Every structure is written in structure tokens, then in C-alpha cells.
C-alpha atoms as a PDB file:
ATOM      1  CA  MET A   1       5.300 -83.513   7.160  1.00  0.00           C
ATOM      2  CA  LEU A   2       5.917 -80.655   4.740  1.00  0.00           C
ATOM      3  CA  LEU A   3       2.716 -78.864   3.866  1.00  0.00           C
ATOM      4  CA  LEU A   4       2.662 -76.388   0.763  1.00  0.00           C
ATOM      5  CA  VAL A   5      -0.459 -74.249   0.048  1.00  0.00           C
ATOM      6  CA  ASN A   6      -0.067 -72.715  -3.375  1.00  0.00           C
ATOM      7  CA  GLY A   7       3.777 -73.214  -3.180  1.00  0.00           C
ATOM      8  CA  GLU A   8       4.137 -71.595   0.266  1.00  0.00           C
ATOM      9  CA  THR A   9       5.264 -73.582   3.103  1.00  0.00           C
ATOM     10  CA  VAL A  10       2.907 -73.881   6.264  1.00  0.00           C
ATOM     11  CA  ALA A  11       5.383 -74.436   8.877  1.00  0.00           C
ATOM     12  CA  PRO A  12       4.675 -77.325  11.261  1.00  0.00           C
ATOM     13  CA  MET A  13       4.687 -74.823  14.320  1.00  0.00           C
ATOM     14  CA  GLU A  14       1.677 -72.969  12.713  1.00  0.00           C
ATOM     15  CA  VAL A  15      -0.275 -76.338  12.717  1.00  0.00           C
ATOM     16  CA  GLU A  16       1.004 -77.001  16.209  1.00  0.00           C
ATOM     17  CA  ARG A  17      -0.068 -73.491  17.587  1.00  0.00           C
ATOM     18  CA  GLU A  18      -3.434 -74.111  15.929  1.00  0.00           C
ATOM     19  CA  TYR A  19      -3.582 -77.684  17.667  1.00  0.00           C
ATOM     20  CA  ARG A  20      -2.776 -76.282  21.153  1.00  0.00           C
ATOM     21  CA  ARG A  21      -5.499 -73.680  20.623  1.00  0.00           C
ATOM     22  CA  LEU A  22      -7.998 -76.293  19.788  1.00  0.00           C
ATOM     23  CA  GLU A  23      -6.879 -78.534  22.679  1.00  0.00           C
ATOM     24  CA  ALA A  24      -7.239 -75.516  25.213  1.00  0.00           C
ATOM     25  CA  LEU A  25     -10.874 -74.785  23.909  1.00  0.00           C
ATOM     26  CA  TRP A  26     -11.581 -78.809  24.224  1.00  0.00           C
ATOM     27  CA  ARG A  27     -10.455 -78.643  27.874  1.00  0.00           C
ATOM     28  CA  GLU A  28     -12.302 -75.503  28.540  1.00  0.00           C
ATOM     29  CA  ARG A  29     -15.561 -77.123  27.497  1.00  0.00           C
ATOM     30  CA  GLY A  30     -15.209 -79.550  30.225  1.00  0.00           C
ATOM     31  CA  ALA A  31     -14.150 -82.936  28.670  1.00  0.00           C
ATOM     32  CA  PRO A  32     -10.539 -83.187  29.310  1.00  0.00           C
ATOM     33  CA  GLU A  33     -11.108 -87.111  30.010  1.00  0.00           C
ATOM     34  CA  ALA A  34     -12.181 -87.550  26.292  1.00  0.00           C
ATOM     35  CA  LEU A  35      -9.332 -85.556  24.856  1.00  0.00           C
ATOM     36  CA  ASP A  36      -7.136 -88.448  24.128  1.00  0.00           C
ATOM     37  CA  ALA A  37      -9.792 -90.127  21.873  1.00  0.00           C
ATOM     38  CA  GLN A  38     -10.171 -86.594  20.155  1.00  0.00           C
ATOM     39  CA  ARG A  39      -6.496 -85.929  19.291  1.00  0.00           C
ATOM     40  CA  PRO A  40      -6.516 -87.367  15.785  1.00  0.00           C
ATOM     41  CA  ALA A  41      -9.715 -85.408  14.895  1.00  0.00           C
ATOM     42  CA  LEU A  42      -8.296 -82.113  16.628  1.00  0.00           C
ATOM     43  CA  MET A  43      -4.881 -82.574  14.541  1.00  0.00           C
ATOM     44  CA  ARG A  44      -6.921 -82.974  11.134  1.00  0.00           C
ATOM     45  CA  GLN A  45      -8.787 -79.844  12.230  1.00  0.00           C
ATOM     46  CA  ALA A  46      -5.678 -77.915  13.238  1.00  0.00           C
ATOM     47  CA  LEU A  47      -4.270 -78.916   9.827  1.00  0.00           C
ATOM     48  CA  ASP A  48      -7.604 -77.789   8.068  1.00  0.00           C
ATOM     49  CA  HIS A  49      -7.480 -74.413  10.023  1.00  0.00           C
ATOM     50  CA  ALA A  50      -3.762 -73.710   9.095  1.00  0.00           C
ATOM     51  CA  ILE A  51      -4.470 -74.374   5.300  1.00  0.00           C
ATOM     52  CA  GLY A  52      -7.697 -72.122   5.615  1.00  0.00           C
ATOM     53  CA  ARG A  53      -5.504 -69.406   7.367  1.00  0.00           C
ATOM     54  CA  ARG A  54      -2.811 -69.440   4.744  1.00  0.00           C
ATOM     55  CA  LEU A  55      -5.507 -69.342   1.971  1.00  0.00           C
ATOM     56  CA  LEU A  56      -6.965 -66.235   3.573  1.00  0.00           C
ATOM     57  CA  LEU A  57      -3.599 -64.679   4.011  1.00  0.00           C
ATOM     58  CA  GLN A  58      -2.776 -65.236   0.321  1.00  0.00           C
ATOM     59  CA  GLU A  59      -6.114 -63.808  -0.756  1.00  0.00           C
ATOM     60  CA  ALA A  60      -5.397 -60.724   1.481  1.00  0.00           C
ATOM     61  CA  ARG A  61      -2.080 -60.256  -0.221  1.00  0.00           C
ATOM     62  CA  ARG A  62      -3.779 -60.937  -3.841  1.00  0.00           C
ATOM     63  CA  GLN A  63      -6.262 -58.135  -2.752  1.00  0.00           C
ATOM     64  CA  ASP A  64      -3.239 -55.966  -1.853  1.00  0.00           C
ATOM     65  CA  LEU A  65      -4.416 -55.390   1.633  1.00  0.00           C
ATOM     66  CA  LYS A  66      -1.839 -53.718   3.880  1.00  0.00           C
ATOM     67  CA  VAL A  67      -1.247 -53.363   7.586  1.00  0.00           C
ATOM     68  CA  SER A  68       0.320 -50.065   8.431  1.00  0.00           C
ATOM     69  CA  GLU A  69       3.105 -49.495  10.956  1.00  0.00           C
ATOM     70  CA  VAL A  70       0.681 -47.436  13.008  1.00  0.00           C
ATOM     71  CA  GLU A  71      -1.797 -50.574  13.225  1.00  0.00           C
ATOM     72  CA  LEU A  72       1.093 -52.830  14.036  1.00  0.00           C
ATOM     73  CA  LYS A  73       2.428 -50.522  16.833  1.00  0.00           C
ATOM     74  CA  ALA A  74      -1.167 -50.104  18.135  1.00  0.00           C
ATOM     75  CA  VAL A  75      -1.508 -53.980  18.576  1.00  0.00           C
ATOM     76  CA  LEU A  76       1.895 -54.313  20.051  1.00  0.00           C
ATOM     77  CA  ARG A  77       1.028 -51.665  22.534  1.00  0.00           C
ATOM     78  CA  GLN A  78      -2.180 -53.430  23.390  1.00  0.00           C
ATOM     79  CA  LEU A  79      -0.122 -56.741  23.815  1.00  0.00           C
ATOM     80  CA  GLY A  80       2.248 -54.697  26.115  1.00  0.00           C
ATOM     81  CA  GLU A  81       5.039 -55.394  23.874  1.00  0.00           C
ATOM     82  CA  THR A  82       7.865 -52.731  23.186  1.00  0.00           C
ATOM     83  CA  GLU A  83       9.564 -52.129  19.958  1.00  0.00           C
ATOM     84  CA  SER A  84      12.082 -54.781  20.627  1.00  0.00           C
ATOM     85  CA  VAL A  85      10.146 -57.596  19.320  1.00  0.00           C
ATOM     86  CA  THR A  86      11.698 -59.993  16.851  1.00  0.00           C
ATOM     87  CA  GLU A  87      11.197 -59.805  12.903  1.00  0.00           C
ATOM     88  CA  ASP A  88       9.581 -63.303  13.233  1.00  0.00           C
ATOM     89  CA  VAL A  89       6.955 -61.827  15.923  1.00  0.00           C
ATOM     90  CA  ARG A  90       6.344 -58.767  13.721  1.00  0.00           C
ATOM     91  CA  ARG A  91       5.689 -60.927  10.490  1.00  0.00           C
ATOM     92  CA  ARG A  92       3.407 -63.298  12.399  1.00  0.00           C
ATOM     93  CA  LEU A  93       1.496 -60.281  13.914  1.00  0.00           C
ATOM     94  CA  GLU A  94       1.311 -58.758  10.416  1.00  0.00           C
ATOM     95  CA  GLU A  95      -0.071 -61.954   9.089  1.00  0.00           C
ATOM     96  CA  ALA A  96      -2.606 -62.320  11.777  1.00  0.00           C
ATOM     97  CA  LEU A  97      -3.925 -58.708  10.982  1.00  0.00           C
ATOM     98  CA  LEU A  98      -4.049 -59.296   7.368  1.00  0.00           C
ATOM     99  CA  VAL A  99      -6.253 -62.365   7.882  1.00  0.00           C
ATOM    100  CA  GLU A 100      -8.364 -60.439  10.338  1.00  0.00           C
ATOM    101  CA  LYS A 101      -8.688 -57.589   7.658  1.00  0.00           C
ATOM    102  CA  ILE A 102      -9.731 -59.975   4.961  1.00  0.00           C
ATOM    103  CA  VAL A 103     -12.321 -61.682   7.422  1.00  0.00           C
ATOM    104  CA  GLN A 104     -13.838 -58.471   8.295  1.00  0.00           C
ATOM    105  CA  ALA A 105     -14.124 -57.563   4.640  1.00  0.00           C
ATOM    106  CA  LEU A 106     -15.667 -60.696   3.876  1.00  0.00           C
ATOM    107  CA  THR A 107     -18.041 -60.718   6.589  1.00  0.00           C
ATOM    108  CA  ALA A 108     -19.087 -57.053   6.928  1.00  0.00           C
ATOM    109  CA  LYS A 109     -21.947 -57.369   4.538  1.00  0.00           C
ATOM    110  CA  VAL A 110     -23.543 -60.386   6.171  1.00  0.00           C
ATOM    111  CA  ALA A 111     -26.854 -59.355   7.222  1.00  0.00           C
ATOM    112  CA  GLU A 112     -28.142 -59.730  10.725  1.00  0.00           C
ATOM    113  CA  PRO A 113     -30.891 -62.377  11.164  1.00  0.00           C
ATOM    114  CA  GLY A 114     -34.309 -61.483  10.343  1.00  0.00           C
ATOM    115  CA  ALA A 115     -37.476 -61.869  12.666  1.00  0.00           C
ATOM    116  CA  GLU A 116     -38.368 -65.046  10.907  1.00  0.00           C
ATOM    117  CA  GLU A 117     -34.916 -66.504  11.738  1.00  0.00           C
ATOM    118  CA  VAL A 118     -35.055 -65.353  15.201  1.00  0.00           C
ATOM    119  CA  SER A 119     -38.571 -66.713  15.544  1.00  0.00           C
ATOM    120  CA  PHE A 120     -37.710 -70.061  14.110  1.00  0.00           C
ATOM    121  CA  PHE A 121     -34.724 -70.235  16.552  1.00  0.00           C
ATOM    122  CA  ARG A 122     -36.987 -69.387  19.537  1.00  0.00           C
ATOM    123  CA  ALA A 123     -39.413 -72.045  18.511  1.00  0.00           C
ATOM    124  CA  GLN A 124     -36.444 -74.548  18.329  1.00  0.00           C
ATOM    125  CA  HIS A 125     -35.186 -73.598  21.644  1.00  0.00           C
ATOM    126  CA  PRO A 126     -38.255 -72.537  23.897  1.00  0.00           C
ATOM    127  CA  GLU A 127     -36.240 -73.697  27.013  1.00  0.00           C
ATOM    128  CA  PHE A 128     -33.942 -70.486  26.362  1.00  0.00           C
ATOM    129  CA  PHE A 129     -36.975 -68.103  26.455  1.00  0.00           C
ATOM    130  CA  SER A 130     -38.813 -68.764  29.602  1.00  0.00           C
ATOM    131  CA  GLY A 131     -38.633 -66.411  32.541  1.00  0.00           C
ATOM    132  CA  THR A 132     -38.984 -62.647  33.256  1.00  0.00           C
ATOM    133  CA  GLN A 133     -39.413 -60.177  30.214  1.00  0.00           C
ATOM    134  CA  ALA A 134     -35.883 -58.523  31.122  1.00  0.00           C
ATOM    135  CA  LEU A 135     -34.219 -62.075  30.792  1.00  0.00           C
ATOM    136  CA  GLU A 136     -36.083 -62.854  27.718  1.00  0.00           C
ATOM    137  CA  THR A 137     -35.232 -59.669  26.241  1.00  0.00           C
ATOM    138  CA  GLU A 138     -31.517 -60.313  27.008  1.00  0.00           C
ATOM    139  CA  ARG A 139     -31.737 -63.819  25.617  1.00  0.00           C
ATOM    140  CA  SER A 140     -33.439 -62.427  22.345  1.00  0.00           C
ATOM    141  CA  ASP A 141     -30.505 -59.960  21.852  1.00  0.00           C
ATOM    142  CA  ALA A 142     -28.053 -62.858  22.565  1.00  0.00           C
ATOM    143  CA  THR A 143     -29.946 -64.868  19.840  1.00  0.00           C
ATOM    144  CA  VAL A 144     -29.489 -62.204  17.416  1.00  0.00           C
ATOM    145  CA  ARG A 145     -25.832 -61.905  17.984  1.00  0.00           C
ATOM    146  CA  TYR A 146     -25.487 -65.667  17.894  1.00  0.00           C
ATOM    147  CA  LEU A 147     -27.389 -66.215  14.662  1.00  0.00           C
ATOM    148  CA  HIS A 148     -25.489 -63.087  13.004  1.00  0.00           C
ATOM    149  CA  ALA A 149     -22.041 -64.894  14.055  1.00  0.00           C
ATOM    150  CA  GLN A 150     -23.383 -68.168  12.722  1.00  0.00           C
ATOM    151  CA  LYS A 151     -24.149 -66.481   9.160  1.00  0.00           C
ATOM    152  CA  ARG A 152     -20.668 -64.735   9.286  1.00  0.00           C
ATOM    153  CA  ASN A 153     -18.991 -68.078   9.942  1.00  0.00           C
ATOM    154  CA  GLN A 154     -21.087 -69.716   7.200  1.00  0.00           C
ATOM    155  CA  ALA A 155     -20.147 -67.054   4.672  1.00  0.00           C
ATOM    156  CA  LEU A 156     -16.355 -67.351   5.683  1.00  0.00           C
ATOM    157  CA  ASP A 157     -16.406 -71.252   5.581  1.00  0.00           C
ATOM    158  CA  ALA A 158     -17.991 -70.936   2.005  1.00  0.00           C
ATOM    159  CA  PHE A 159     -15.349 -68.585   0.822  1.00  0.00           C
ATOM    160  CA  VAL A 160     -12.450 -70.577   2.270  1.00  0.00           C
ATOM    161  CA  ALA A 161     -13.936 -73.616   0.602  1.00  0.00           C
ATOM    162  CA  GLN A 162     -14.034 -71.806  -2.621  1.00  0.00           C
ATOM    163  CA  LEU A 163     -10.210 -70.708  -2.208  1.00  0.00           C
ATOM    164  CA  ARG A 164      -9.535 -74.451  -1.357  1.00  0.00           C
ATOM    165  CA  ARG A 165     -11.011 -75.889  -4.473  1.00  0.00           C
ATOM    166  CA  ALA A 166      -8.674 -73.491  -6.535  1.00  0.00           C
ATOM    167  CA  ALA A 167      -5.707 -74.076  -4.442  1.00  0.00           C
ATOM    168  CA  LEU A 168      -2.824 -76.443  -4.863  1.00  0.00           C
ATOM    169  CA  ILE A 169      -2.304 -78.210  -1.503  1.00  0.00           C
ATOM    170  CA  GLU A 170       0.498 -80.328  -1.308  1.00  0.00           C
ATOM    171  CA  THR A 171       2.128 -82.713   1.499  1.00  0.00           C
ATOM    172  CA  ALA A 172       5.339 -84.539   1.480  1.00  0.00           C
ATOM    173  CA  ALA A 173       7.332 -86.321   3.920  1.00  0.00           C
ATOM    174  CA  VAL A 174      10.289 -84.376   5.416  1.00  0.00           C
ATOM    175  CA  PRO A 175      13.457 -86.361   4.675  1.00  0.00           C
ATOM    176  CA  ALA A 176      15.278 -87.478   7.833  1.00  0.00           C
ATOM    177  CA  ALA A 177      18.299 -85.609   8.915  1.00  0.00           C
ATOM    178  CA  GLU A 178      20.655 -88.588   7.706  1.00  0.00           C
ATOM    179  CA  ASP A 179      19.071 -88.702   4.416  1.00  0.00           C
ATOM    180  CA  ALA A 180      19.377 -84.877   3.710  1.00  0.00           C
ATOM    181  CA  ALA A 181      23.061 -84.773   4.833  1.00  0.00           C
ATOM    182  CA  PRO A 182      25.363 -84.720   2.080  1.00  0.00           C
ATOM    183  CA  ALA A 183      27.476 -88.054   1.564  1.00  0.00           C
ATOM    184  CA  SER A 184      31.001 -87.783   2.719  1.00  0.00           C
ATOM    185  CA  ASP A 185      34.016 -89.355   0.685  1.00  0.00           C
END
């Protein structure tokens, strides 16, 4: 299947990488025996994530966000890579950094949860907040971080949905090799 997002091809390998990431998360969460039944849903989710990533990348470019050579080299050093990485690896890394930049820009202004939101969460989940004062404080801090992450994810999801509504997303079957080969005389 060929996937086009606003005229840009999303390579099948991009969807496959996302699928493998989701599959690994599923295994980590302790339900590998149910994985076979989840494969179609995971594939749809991988496809959806690949489309969203492409839309975010296009938006980052539209906003003229850039990744400097210094930023790129710093990440390569963190990854333990040398200067001898392929152009494809550099391009994919640059795209990942652009997506990261647009996500940070979109979610930077999301407010932390207020006292009412935290109190509501605590009331909904009292089992998390029993115990010593130190444990309760630690869990309250974790709750604030969790709720803030949820709010950032909601803002990001809403933005991607907006991009998606305005996008032209096309799928087409890839012709078989024998169909694509020129006819011989």
C-alpha cells in the first residue's frame, strides 16, 4: 500500500517502525498472549501515528523550524554515533528533531493542572493516596506530572486532528513487480 499525506509519501518502513514500537509497548505491558488478537488494531494505530508524524513534520517545515548542525551533532554524540552516519540516518534524525521541536512548541504553553483537577483525580483514585505523608506527597507530585502530560497529549491530539481535517490523505495499491515492468517486444 502506498500512503500519501499532502502529496508526500509515507514509506512503508515508517509504518513498520511505528508498528514495532507499539508491539514492544504491548509486550512490556505484560499481555504478550493477547498480542495476536491486537495486531490489526496495532497496525491501524501505527498507520495513524505515521500519518500524524508526517503532518507534524509538514507543519514544522511550514513554520520554517530548523535543526542546526550543532543540534544534530549533539544528538549523534548522545547516541554514540560518529560522523560516518548515512544521509538517510541524518535525514530521519533531522525529521525526528523537527517533530520534537513542533511538539514542544505546541505543548509548551499547556498549563499545569490546578488544585481542583488534582483534587478531582485524588477523589477518583483514593487507593493511590493512602499511606505515609511522604508517600502521599510523592504520589501527589506524580499526579501533577501525570495530569500535565495528559493535558499536553490532549492539546497535541487536537492539533493533529485539525491538521488531519485539512490534509489530503491518499492510499493506493502498489502495483505488483510484473505489472510495473515494461512490456518486452
